[in-house]
Every structure is written in C-alpha cells, then in structure tokens.
Amino acid sequence: MDQLLYTVPECCRLAAIGRTKFYELVASGDIPVRKIGKKTLVAAADLKRWADRLPALAVKDSDQSAGKSKRGS
C-alpha cells in the first residue's frame, strides 16, 4: 500500500522546497494540512495535486539556438 500521509519534513524533501516555503503554501491554502494531535500531515493526493498545478516552462529548440550561435561566430 502506498503512503497516504506525509509529515512536513517528508513533504519538503519530496517537493524539493524548504520549510518556510512549505508553510507559505499552507498559509495561502495551496497545500491543505491535517492535524493529528500536534502532528501536521499532508495527504499524498493533496501534495500531488499541488505539484500537478505548477506551471510547466516551455523548452527552447536546441537546434535553433545552436544554429544561431554558429552563425554569430
């Protein structure tokens, strides 16, 4: 069975972000958290949903940029 809930340190490691950024995302409502006693947990599905909403950057065509640098030499 896959892990259902992650701790804050696990979320930070999996998302490659720091604790400060993580808590900013929680405060803004981008990542919902659950509490069990004093422990803060994030559902795996919520973390994945946040990651899926991140914008993807367009990749430049490497052949085109290589051709420009050759012409400029």
PDB file of N, CA and C in Angstrom:
ATOM      1  N   MET A   1       0.843  -1.178   0.000  1.00  0.00           N
ATOM      2  CA  MET A   1       0.000   0.000   0.000  1.00  0.00           C
ATOM      3  C   MET A   1       0.892   1.247   0.000  1.00  0.00           C
ATOM      4  N   ASP A   2       0.533   2.210  -0.816  1.00  0.00           N
ATOM      5  CA  ASP A   2       1.274   3.470  -0.868  1.00  0.00           C
ATOM      6  C   ASP A   2       1.020   4.290   0.397  1.00  0.00           C
ATOM      7  N   GLN A   3       1.961   5.147   0.723  1.00  0.00           N
ATOM      8  CA  GLN A   3       1.829   6.008   1.899  1.00  0.00           C
ATOM      9  C   GLN A   3       0.728   7.039   1.647  1.00  0.00           C
ATOM     10  N   LEU A   4      -0.186   7.175   2.589  1.00  0.00           N
ATOM     11  CA  LEU A   4      -1.325   8.087   2.447  1.00  0.00           C
ATOM     12  C   LEU A   4      -1.030   9.486   2.948  1.00  0.00           C
ATOM     13  N   LEU A   5      -0.239   9.602   4.026  1.00  0.00           N
ATOM     14  CA  LEU A   5       0.028  10.887   4.659  1.00  0.00           C
ATOM     15  C   LEU A   5       1.528  11.095   4.809  1.00  0.00           C
ATOM     16  N   TYR A   6       1.948  12.355   4.643  1.00  0.00           N
ATOM     17  CA  TYR A   6       3.356  12.712   4.790  1.00  0.00           C
ATOM     18  C   TYR A   6       3.517  13.734   5.902  1.00  0.00           C
ATOM     19  N   THR A   7       4.642  13.658   6.604  1.00  0.00           N
ATOM     20  CA  THR A   7       4.987  14.668   7.601  1.00  0.00           C
ATOM     21  C   THR A   7       5.542  15.889   6.865  1.00  0.00           C
ATOM     22  N   VAL A   8       5.715  16.986   7.588  1.00  0.00           N
ATOM     23  CA  VAL A   8       6.262  18.209   6.988  1.00  0.00           C
ATOM     24  C   VAL A   8       7.661  17.961   6.401  1.00  0.00           C
ATOM     25  N   PRO A   9       8.582  17.337   7.138  1.00  0.00           N
ATOM     26  CA  PRO A   9       9.901  17.088   6.544  1.00  0.00           C
ATOM     27  C   PRO A   9       9.840  16.210   5.289  1.00  0.00           C
ATOM     28  N   GLU A  10       8.953  15.220   5.281  1.00  0.00           N
ATOM     29  CA  GLU A  10       8.806  14.369   4.096  1.00  0.00           C
ATOM     30  C   GLU A  10       8.284  15.178   2.910  1.00  0.00           C
ATOM     31  N   CYS A  11       7.299  16.050   3.154  1.00  0.00           N
ATOM     32  CA  CYS A  11       6.754  16.897   2.082  1.00  0.00           C
ATOM     33  C   CYS A  11       7.838  17.806   1.506  1.00  0.00           C
ATOM     34  N   CYS A  12       8.606  18.407   2.382  1.00  0.00           N
ATOM     35  CA  CYS A  12       9.668  19.312   1.929  1.00  0.00           C
ATOM     36  C   CYS A  12      10.679  18.559   1.072  1.00  0.00           C
ATOM     37  N   ARG A  13      11.042  17.363   1.507  1.00  0.00           N
ATOM     38  CA  ARG A  13      12.002  16.569   0.741  1.00  0.00           C
ATOM     39  C   ARG A  13      11.410  16.155  -0.611  1.00  0.00           C
ATOM     40  N   LEU A  14      10.190  15.650  -0.607  1.00  0.00           N
ATOM     41  CA  LEU A  14       9.553  15.185  -1.837  1.00  0.00           C
ATOM     42  C   LEU A  14       9.317  16.324  -2.829  1.00  0.00           C
ATOM     43  N   ALA A  15       8.948  17.501  -2.322  1.00  0.00           N
ATOM     44  CA  ALA A  15       8.647  18.638  -3.190  1.00  0.00           C
ATOM     45  C   ALA A  15       9.874  19.493  -3.480  1.00  0.00           C
ATOM     46  N   ALA A  16      10.999  19.174  -2.845  1.00  0.00           N
ATOM     47  CA  ALA A  16      12.260  19.924  -3.029  1.00  0.00           C
ATOM     48  C   ALA A  16      12.077  21.402  -2.681  1.00  0.00           C
ATOM     49  N   ILE A  17      11.400  21.642  -1.560  1.00  0.00           N
ATOM     50  CA  ILE A  17      11.210  23.006  -1.063  1.00  0.00           C
ATOM     51  C   ILE A  17      11.612  23.046   0.411  1.00  0.00           C
ATOM     52  N   GLY A  18      11.847  24.234   0.916  1.00  0.00           N
ATOM     53  CA  GLY A  18      12.183  24.407   2.327  1.00  0.00           C
ATOM     54  C   GLY A  18      10.945  24.524   3.191  1.00  0.00           C
ATOM     55  N   ARG A  19      11.172  24.471   4.507  1.00  0.00           N
ATOM     56  CA  ARG A  19      10.057  24.573   5.461  1.00  0.00           C
ATOM     57  C   ARG A  19       9.328  25.905   5.350  1.00  0.00           C
ATOM     58  N   THR A  20      10.093  26.982   5.164  1.00  0.00           N
ATOM     59  CA  THR A  20       9.461  28.300   5.069  1.00  0.00           C
ATOM     60  C   THR A  20       8.510  28.350   3.878  1.00  0.00           C
ATOM     61  N   LYS A  21       8.961  27.892   2.719  1.00  0.00           N
ATOM     62  CA  LYS A  21       8.114  27.878   1.518  1.00  0.00           C
ATOM     63  C   LYS A  21       6.913  26.960   1.728  1.00  0.00           C
ATOM     64  N   PHE A  22       7.143  25.816   2.372  1.00  0.00           N
ATOM     65  CA  PHE A  22       6.052  24.889   2.641  1.00  0.00           C
ATOM     66  C   PHE A  22       4.957  25.575   3.462  1.00  0.00           C
ATOM     67  N   TYR A  23       5.348  26.248   4.544  1.00  0.00           N
ATOM     68  CA  TYR A  23       4.355  26.901   5.395  1.00  0.00           C
ATOM     69  C   TYR A  23       3.709  28.103   4.704  1.00  0.00           C
ATOM     70  N   GLU A  24       4.410  28.750   3.776  1.00  0.00           N
ATOM     71  CA  GLU A  24       3.784  29.804   2.964  1.00  0.00           C
ATOM     72  C   GLU A  24       2.678  29.205   2.105  1.00  0.00           C
ATOM     73  N   LEU A  25       2.937  28.049   1.511  1.00  0.00           N
ATOM     74  CA  LEU A  25       1.941  27.372   0.674  1.00  0.00           C
ATOM     75  C   LEU A  25       0.749  26.909   1.505  1.00  0.00           C
ATOM     76  N   VAL A  26       1.007  26.467   2.726  1.00  0.00           N
ATOM     77  CA  VAL A  26      -0.082  26.072   3.626  1.00  0.00           C
ATOM     78  C   VAL A  26      -0.924  27.299   3.987  1.00  0.00           C
ATOM     79  N   ALA A  27      -0.259  28.399   4.337  1.00  0.00           N
ATOM     80  CA  ALA A  27      -0.977  29.618   4.737  1.00  0.00           C
ATOM     81  C   ALA A  27      -1.830  30.173   3.602  1.00  0.00           C
ATOM     82  N   SER A  28      -1.343  30.018   2.359  1.00  0.00           N
ATOM     83  CA  SER A  28      -2.098  30.531   1.213  1.00  0.00           C
ATOM     84  C   SER A  28      -3.210  29.571   0.774  1.00  0.00           C
ATOM     85  N   GLY A  29      -3.251  28.383   1.365  1.00  0.00           N
ATOM     86  CA  GLY A  29      -4.282  27.414   1.013  1.00  0.00           C
ATOM     87  C   GLY A  29      -3.919  26.530  -0.159  1.00  0.00           C
ATOM     88  N   ASP A  30      -2.705  26.667  -0.675  1.00  0.00           N
ATOM     89  CA  ASP A  30      -2.294  25.846  -1.819  1.00  0.00           C
ATOM     90  C   ASP A  30      -2.098  24.382  -1.436  1.00  0.00           C
ATOM     91  N   ILE A  31      -1.629  24.139  -0.212  1.00  0.00           N
ATOM     92  CA  ILE A  31      -1.449  22.771   0.277  1.00  0.00           C
ATOM     93  C   ILE A  31      -2.249  22.643   1.574  1.00  0.00           C
ATOM     94  N   PRO A  32      -3.324  21.860   1.558  1.00  0.00           N
ATOM     95  CA  PRO A  32      -4.101  21.659   2.787  1.00  0.00           C
ATOM     96  C   PRO A  32      -3.379  20.692   3.733  1.00  0.00           C
ATOM     97  N   VAL A  33      -3.510  20.927   5.014  1.00  0.00           N
ATOM     98  CA  VAL A  33      -2.888  20.054   6.014  1.00  0.00           C
ATOM     99  C   VAL A  33      -3.949  19.457   6.923  1.00  0.00           C
ATOM    100  N   ARG A  34      -3.571  18.358   7.573  1.00  0.00           N
ATOM    101  CA  ARG A  34      -4.409  17.703   8.570  1.00  0.00           C
ATOM    102  C   ARG A  34      -3.616  17.647   9.861  1.00  0.00           C
ATOM    103  N   LYS A  35      -4.304  17.655  10.965  1.00  0.00           N
ATOM    104  CA  LYS A  35      -3.644  17.586  12.264  1.00  0.00           C
ATOM    105  C   LYS A  35      -4.093  16.317  12.988  1.00  0.00           C
ATOM    106  N   ILE A  36      -3.118  15.627  13.553  1.00  0.00           N
ATOM    107  CA  ILE A  36      -3.388  14.516  14.471  1.00  0.00           C
ATOM    108  C   ILE A  36      -2.625  14.877  15.737  1.00  0.00           C
ATOM    109  N   GLY A  37      -3.352  15.363  16.725  1.00  0.00           N
ATOM    110  CA  GLY A  37      -2.695  15.903  17.908  1.00  0.00           C
ATOM    111  C   GLY A  37      -1.901  17.131  17.496  1.00  0.00           C
ATOM    112  N   LYS A  38      -0.602  17.127  17.790  1.00  0.00           N
ATOM    113  CA  LYS A  38       0.255  18.241  17.396  1.00  0.00           C
ATOM    114  C   LYS A  38       0.930  18.012  16.055  1.00  0.00           C
ATOM    115  N   LYS A  39       0.811  16.810  15.519  1.00  0.00           N
ATOM    116  CA  LYS A  39       1.494  16.457  14.272  1.00  0.00           C
ATOM    117  C   LYS A  39       0.736  17.004  13.062  1.00  0.00           C
ATOM    118  N   THR A  40       1.466  17.649  12.164  1.00  0.00           N
ATOM    119  CA  THR A  40       0.910  18.186  10.925  1.00  0.00           C
ATOM    120  C   THR A  40       1.211  17.201   9.802  1.00  0.00           C
ATOM    121  N   LEU A  41       0.173  16.812   9.063  1.00  0.00           N
ATOM    122  CA  LEU A  41       0.323  15.847   7.981  1.00  0.00           C
ATOM    123  C   LEU A  41      -0.325  16.374   6.709  1.00  0.00           C
ATOM    124  N   VAL A  42       0.183  15.900   5.584  1.00  0.00           N
ATOM    125  CA  VAL A  42      -0.358  16.266   4.273  1.00  0.00           C
ATOM    126  C   VAL A  42      -0.720  14.984   3.546  1.00  0.00           C
ATOM    127  N   ALA A  43      -1.904  14.941   2.970  1.00  0.00           N
ATOM    128  CA  ALA A  43      -2.317  13.779   2.183  1.00  0.00           C
ATOM    129  C   ALA A  43      -1.485  13.715   0.908  1.00  0.00           C
ATOM    130  N   ALA A  44      -1.064  12.514   0.563  1.00  0.00           N
ATOM    131  CA  ALA A  44      -0.260  12.315  -0.642  1.00  0.00           C
ATOM    132  C   ALA A  44      -0.987  12.873  -1.865  1.00  0.00           C
ATOM    133  N   ALA A  45      -2.294  12.679  -1.929  1.00  0.00           N
ATOM    134  CA  ALA A  45      -3.077  13.165  -3.069  1.00  0.00           C
ATOM    135  C   ALA A  45      -3.049  14.694  -3.143  1.00  0.00           C
ATOM    136  N   ASP A  46      -3.073  15.371  -1.991  1.00  0.00           N
ATOM    137  CA  ASP A  46      -3.027  16.839  -1.974  1.00  0.00           C
ATOM    138  C   ASP A  46      -1.669  17.357  -2.430  1.00  0.00           C
ATOM    139  N   LEU A  47      -0.601  16.684  -2.012  1.00  0.00           N
ATOM    140  CA  LEU A  47       0.733  17.094  -2.436  1.00  0.00           C
ATOM    141  C   LEU A  47       0.888  16.900  -3.944  1.00  0.00           C
ATOM    142  N   LYS A  48       0.390  15.782  -4.462  1.00  0.00           N
ATOM    143  CA  LYS A  48       0.463  15.527  -5.902  1.00  0.00           C
ATOM    144  C   LYS A  48      -0.384  16.536  -6.675  1.00  0.00           C
ATOM    145  N   ARG A  49      -1.564  16.852  -6.174  1.00  0.00           N
ATOM    146  CA  ARG A  49      -2.445  17.826  -6.830  1.00  0.00           C
ATOM    147  C   ARG A  49      -1.757  19.193  -6.918  1.00  0.00           C
ATOM    148  N   TRP A  50      -1.078  19.604  -5.831  1.00  0.00           N
ATOM    149  CA  TRP A  50      -0.332  20.873  -5.840  1.00  0.00           C
ATOM    150  C   TRP A  50       0.764  20.830  -6.898  1.00  0.00           C
ATOM    151  N   ALA A  51       1.519  19.739  -6.939  1.00  0.00           N
ATOM    152  CA  ALA A  51       2.615  19.617  -7.909  1.00  0.00           C
ATOM    153  C   ALA A  51       2.084  19.634  -9.342  1.00  0.00           C
ATOM    154  N   ASP A  52       0.958  18.991  -9.571  1.00  0.00           N
ATOM    155  CA  ASP A  52       0.371  18.952 -10.924  1.00  0.00           C
ATOM    156  C   ASP A  52      -0.107  20.328 -11.375  1.00  0.00           C
ATOM    157  N   ARG A  53      -0.440  21.217 -10.437  1.00  0.00           N
ATOM    158  CA  ARG A  53      -0.899  22.567 -10.793  1.00  0.00           C
ATOM    159  C   ARG A  53       0.252  23.527 -11.090  1.00  0.00           C
ATOM    160  N   LEU A  54       1.481  23.139 -10.784  1.00  0.00           N
ATOM    161  CA  LEU A  54       2.618  24.021 -11.049  1.00  0.00           C
ATOM    162  C   LEU A  54       2.763  24.234 -12.551  1.00  0.00           C
ATOM    163  N   PRO A  55       3.077  25.457 -12.977  1.00  0.00           N
ATOM    164  CA  PRO A  55       3.201  25.713 -14.417  1.00  0.00           C
ATOM    165  C   PRO A  55       4.452  25.049 -14.995  1.00  0.00           C
ATOM    166  N   ALA A  56       4.306  24.539 -16.193  1.00  0.00           N
ATOM    167  CA  ALA A  56       5.437  23.953 -16.914  1.00  0.00           C
ATOM    168  C   ALA A  56       6.071  25.039 -17.780  1.00  0.00           C
ATOM    169  N   LEU A  57       7.379  25.041 -17.859  1.00  0.00           N
ATOM    170  CA  LEU A  57       8.086  26.014 -18.682  1.00  0.00           C
ATOM    171  C   LEU A  57       8.290  25.460 -20.083  1.00  0.00           C
ATOM    172  N   ALA A  58       8.175  26.327 -21.081  1.00  0.00           N
ATOM    173  CA  ALA A  58       8.417  25.922 -22.458  1.00  0.00           C
ATOM    174  C   ALA A  58       9.923  25.732 -22.654  1.00  0.00           C
ATOM    175  N   VAL A  59      10.287  24.697 -23.391  1.00  0.00           N
ATOM    176  CA  VAL A  59      11.694  24.412 -23.666  1.00  0.00           C
ATOM    177  C   VAL A  59      12.030  24.951 -25.043  1.00  0.00           C
ATOM    178  N   LYS A  60      13.150  25.675 -25.120  1.00  0.00           N
ATOM    179  CA  LYS A  60      13.583  26.212 -26.405  1.00  0.00           C
ATOM    180  C   LYS A  60      14.142  25.085 -27.263  1.00  0.00           C
ATOM    181  N   ASP A  61      13.980  25.212 -28.563  1.00  0.00           N
ATOM    182  CA  ASP A  61      14.514  24.237 -29.507  1.00  0.00           C
ATOM    183  C   ASP A  61      16.033  24.334 -29.508  1.00  0.00           C
ATOM    184  N   SER A  62      16.733  23.270 -29.125  1.00  0.00           N
ATOM    185  CA  SER A  62      18.194  23.306 -29.007  1.00  0.00           C
ATOM    186  C   SER A  62      18.872  23.436 -30.368  1.00  0.00           C
ATOM    187  N   ASP A  63      18.284  22.887 -31.445  1.00  0.00           N
ATOM    188  CA  ASP A  63      18.879  23.010 -32.785  1.00  0.00           C
ATOM    189  C   ASP A  63      18.867  24.459 -33.242  1.00  0.00           C
ATOM    190  N   GLN A  64      17.782  25.155 -32.961  1.00  0.00           N
ATOM    191  CA  GLN A  64      17.650  26.544 -33.366  1.00  0.00           C
ATOM    192  C   GLN A  64      18.657  27.431 -32.630  1.00  0.00           C
ATOM    193  N   SER A  65      18.806  27.231 -31.334  1.00  0.00           N
ATOM    194  CA  SER A  65      19.736  28.065 -30.596  1.00  0.00           C
ATOM    195  C   SER A  65      21.181  27.710 -30.927  1.00  0.00           C
ATOM    196  N   ALA A  66      21.457  26.451 -31.268  1.00  0.00           N
ATOM    197  CA  ALA A  66      22.816  26.056 -31.665  1.00  0.00           C
ATOM    198  C   ALA A  66      23.162  26.700 -33.013  1.00  0.00           C
ATOM    199  N   GLY A  67      22.180  26.775 -33.900  1.00  0.00           N
ATOM    200  CA  GLY A  67      22.417  27.396 -35.215  1.00  0.00           C
ATOM    201  C   GLY A  67      22.705  28.867 -35.102  1.00  0.00           C
ATOM    202  N   LYS A  68      22.037  29.553 -34.189  1.00  0.00           N
ATOM    203  CA  LYS A  68      22.259  30.986 -34.007  1.00  0.00           C
ATOM    204  C   LYS A  68      23.678  31.247 -33.499  1.00  0.00           C
ATOM    205  N   SER A  69      24.159  30.411 -32.575  1.00  0.00           N
ATOM    206  CA  SER A  69      25.494  30.660 -32.037  1.00  0.00           C
ATOM    207  C   SER A  69      26.577  30.379 -33.071  1.00  0.00           C
ATOM    208  N   LYS A  70      26.331  29.445 -34.005  1.00  0.00           N
ATOM    209  CA  LYS A  70      27.321  29.154 -35.042  1.00  0.00           C
ATOM    210  C   LYS A  70      27.401  30.290 -36.041  1.00  0.00           C
ATOM    211  N   ARG A  71      26.268  30.891 -36.382  1.00  0.00           N
ATOM    212  CA  ARG A  71      26.253  31.987 -37.333  1.00  0.00           C
ATOM    213  C   ARG A  71      26.932  33.224 -36.777  1.00  0.00           C
ATOM    214  N   GLY A  72      26.802  33.419 -35.469  1.00  0.00           N
ATOM    215  CA  GLY A  72      27.354  34.613 -34.845  1.00  0.00           C
ATOM    216  C   GLY A  72      28.864  34.561 -34.707  1.00  0.00           C
ATOM    217  N   SER A  73      29.482  33.398 -34.879  1.00  0.00           N
ATOM    218  CA  SER A  73      30.934  33.259 -34.704  1.00  0.00           C
ATOM    219  C   SER A  73      31.695  33.726 -35.904  1.00  0.00           C
TER     220      SER A  73
END
